């Protein structure tokens, strides 16, 4: 469909529950941070999860490339930057970056998300109301 460039910033704090016994963020939790940031990006443009569920619309991760650069630790103040870089009929690609309060990248990911019909678990076109909001946020 098109290449786009929308940015979203989401601040987080590392809690004890995010870490291992040494106070280092467990690797799977970076994926949770990125997932939450994408969810908040949609929420900020008016596309909430409850509305999606009521319409039997879901988004699933189709592919992810992730680079763990440096560990985050307990009580770190971090920021996830989410940038929509590609919008197609059925999928979107996001670049996401987790940085510390000094702006140093800790983890980067490129995530392809596909739109599905939750009841059939089959790909569907991204609904026009979502595309409209995503492209509106780019301008």
Protein backbone atom coordinates (compact mmCIF):
# COMPACT_ATOMS: atom_id res chain seq x y z
CA UNK A 1 0.00 0.00 0.00
CA UNK A 2 2.47 2.66 1.12
CA UNK A 3 5.53 3.61 3.06
CA UNK A 4 4.76 5.81 6.04
CA UNK A 5 6.64 7.41 8.87
CA UNK A 6 4.71 7.86 12.10
CA UNK A 7 6.45 8.04 15.48
CA UNK A 8 5.16 7.20 18.92
CA UNK A 9 7.01 7.60 22.22
CA UNK A 10 6.15 5.51 25.28
CA UNK A 11 8.02 5.86 28.61
CA UNK A 12 8.46 2.87 30.93
CA UNK A 13 10.16 2.08 34.21
CA UNK A 14 11.77 -1.30 34.83
CA UNK A 15 10.07 -3.04 37.75
CA UNK A 16 11.31 -5.96 39.84
CA UNK A 17 8.88 -8.27 38.00
CA UNK A 18 10.67 -7.43 34.70
CA UNK A 19 14.04 -8.68 35.94
CA UNK A 20 15.90 -11.84 36.82
CA UNK A 21 17.55 -12.47 40.21
CA UNK A 22 20.42 -10.14 39.27
CA UNK A 23 18.18 -7.16 38.52
CA UNK A 24 18.67 -7.44 34.74
CA UNK A 25 15.64 -7.32 32.42
CA UNK A 26 14.78 -10.83 31.25
CA UNK A 27 15.10 -11.03 27.44
CA UNK A 28 11.43 -11.96 26.76
CA UNK A 29 10.29 -8.80 28.54
CA UNK A 30 11.72 -6.61 25.78
CA UNK A 31 9.07 -8.14 23.52
CA UNK A 32 6.42 -7.21 26.11
CA UNK A 33 7.71 -3.63 26.20
CA UNK A 34 7.49 -3.44 22.40
CA UNK A 35 4.01 -5.04 22.34
CA UNK A 36 2.71 -2.56 24.90
CA UNK A 37 4.20 0.36 22.98
CA UNK A 38 2.46 -0.73 19.76
CA UNK A 39 -0.81 -1.12 21.69
CA UNK A 40 -0.42 2.37 23.17
CA UNK A 41 0.35 3.79 19.73
CA UNK A 42 -2.97 2.40 18.45
CA UNK A 43 -4.80 3.59 21.57
CA UNK A 44 -3.40 7.10 21.13
CA UNK A 45 -4.91 7.31 17.63
CA UNK A 46 -8.28 6.06 18.90
CA UNK A 47 -8.01 2.36 18.11
CA UNK A 48 -8.53 0.47 21.37
CA UNK A 49 -8.24 -3.26 21.98
CA UNK A 50 -11.86 -3.55 23.22
CA UNK A 51 -13.17 -2.11 19.96
CA UNK A 52 -10.96 -4.45 17.95
CA UNK A 53 -12.17 -7.46 19.95
CA UNK A 54 -15.81 -6.47 19.51
CA UNK A 55 -15.24 -6.43 15.73
CA UNK A 56 -13.33 -9.76 15.78
CA UNK A 57 -10.18 -7.95 14.58
CA UNK A 58 -6.75 -8.93 15.82
CA UNK A 59 -3.14 -8.16 15.08
CA UNK A 60 -0.56 -10.91 15.30
CA UNK A 61 3.20 -10.77 15.00
CA UNK A 62 4.14 -12.38 11.69
CA UNK A 63 7.87 -11.76 11.79
CA UNK A 64 10.36 -10.06 14.11
CA UNK A 65 14.05 -9.22 13.89
CA UNK A 66 15.45 -8.18 17.25
CA UNK A 67 18.86 -6.95 18.36
CA UNK A 68 19.66 -7.05 22.08
CA UNK A 69 22.37 -4.40 22.40
CA UNK A 70 22.74 -3.80 26.13
CA UNK A 71 20.87 -4.89 29.24
CA UNK A 72 18.34 -2.75 31.02
CA UNK A 73 18.24 -2.96 34.81
CA UNK A 74 15.89 -2.59 37.73
CA UNK A 75 14.51 0.98 38.14
CA UNK A 76 15.85 2.18 34.77
CA UNK A 77 13.77 4.86 33.11
CA UNK A 78 13.40 3.84 29.47
CA UNK A 79 11.63 5.01 26.35
CA UNK A 80 10.23 2.91 23.52
CA UNK A 81 10.08 4.67 20.18
CA UNK A 82 7.72 3.05 17.70
CA UNK A 83 7.79 4.07 14.06
CA UNK A 84 5.36 2.72 11.48
CA UNK A 85 7.51 2.28 8.37
CA UNK A 86 5.29 0.26 6.06
CA UNK A 87 1.55 -0.07 5.70
CA UNK A 88 0.14 -2.73 3.38
CA UNK A 89 -3.35 -4.12 2.80
CA UNK A 90 -3.05 -6.86 5.45
CA UNK A 91 0.12 -5.98 7.37
CA UNK A 92 2.21 -3.25 8.94
CA UNK A 93 5.90 -3.04 9.72
CA UNK A 94 7.17 -1.19 12.77
CA UNK A 95 10.69 -0.22 13.78
CA UNK A 96 10.99 -0.08 17.54
CA UNK A 97 13.83 1.07 19.73
CA UNK A 98 14.27 0.94 23.50
CA UNK A 99 16.62 3.61 24.85
CA UNK A 100 17.79 4.55 28.33
CA UNK A 101 17.51 8.02 29.86
CA UNK A 102 20.86 8.96 28.28
CA UNK A 103 19.43 8.13 24.84
CA UNK A 104 21.60 5.03 24.42
CA UNK A 105 19.89 2.21 22.46
CA UNK A 106 19.43 -0.98 24.47
CA UNK A 107 17.31 -3.03 22.08
CA UNK A 108 15.99 -2.62 18.54
CA UNK A 109 13.36 -4.59 16.66
CA UNK A 110 11.63 -4.60 13.31
CA UNK A 111 8.19 -6.15 13.66
CA UNK A 112 5.75 -7.21 10.95
CA UNK A 113 2.18 -7.40 12.24
CA UNK A 114 -0.67 -9.01 10.28
CA UNK A 115 -4.36 -8.22 10.64
CA UNK A 116 -6.61 -11.25 11.22
CA UNK A 117 -10.24 -12.18 11.72
CA UNK A 118 -10.13 -13.49 15.30
CA UNK A 119 -13.03 -15.90 14.81
CA UNK A 120 -11.45 -17.62 11.79
CA UNK A 121 -7.77 -16.91 12.57
CA UNK A 122 -7.31 -15.90 8.93
CA UNK A 123 -5.69 -12.79 7.43
CA UNK A 124 -7.99 -9.90 6.51
CA UNK A 125 -7.49 -6.44 5.10
CA UNK A 126 -6.74 -3.79 7.70
CA UNK A 127 -10.08 -1.98 8.16
CA UNK A 128 -10.33 1.47 6.56
CA UNK A 129 -11.00 3.19 9.93
CA UNK A 130 -7.59 1.96 11.18
CA UNK A 131 -5.75 2.90 7.99
CA UNK A 132 -7.40 6.33 8.12
CA UNK A 133 -6.23 6.94 11.69
CA UNK A 134 -2.72 5.63 10.99
CA UNK A 135 -2.25 7.78 7.92
CA UNK A 136 -3.81 10.80 9.66
CA UNK A 137 -1.21 10.48 12.43
CA UNK A 138 1.58 10.60 9.82
CA UNK A 139 0.64 14.02 8.46
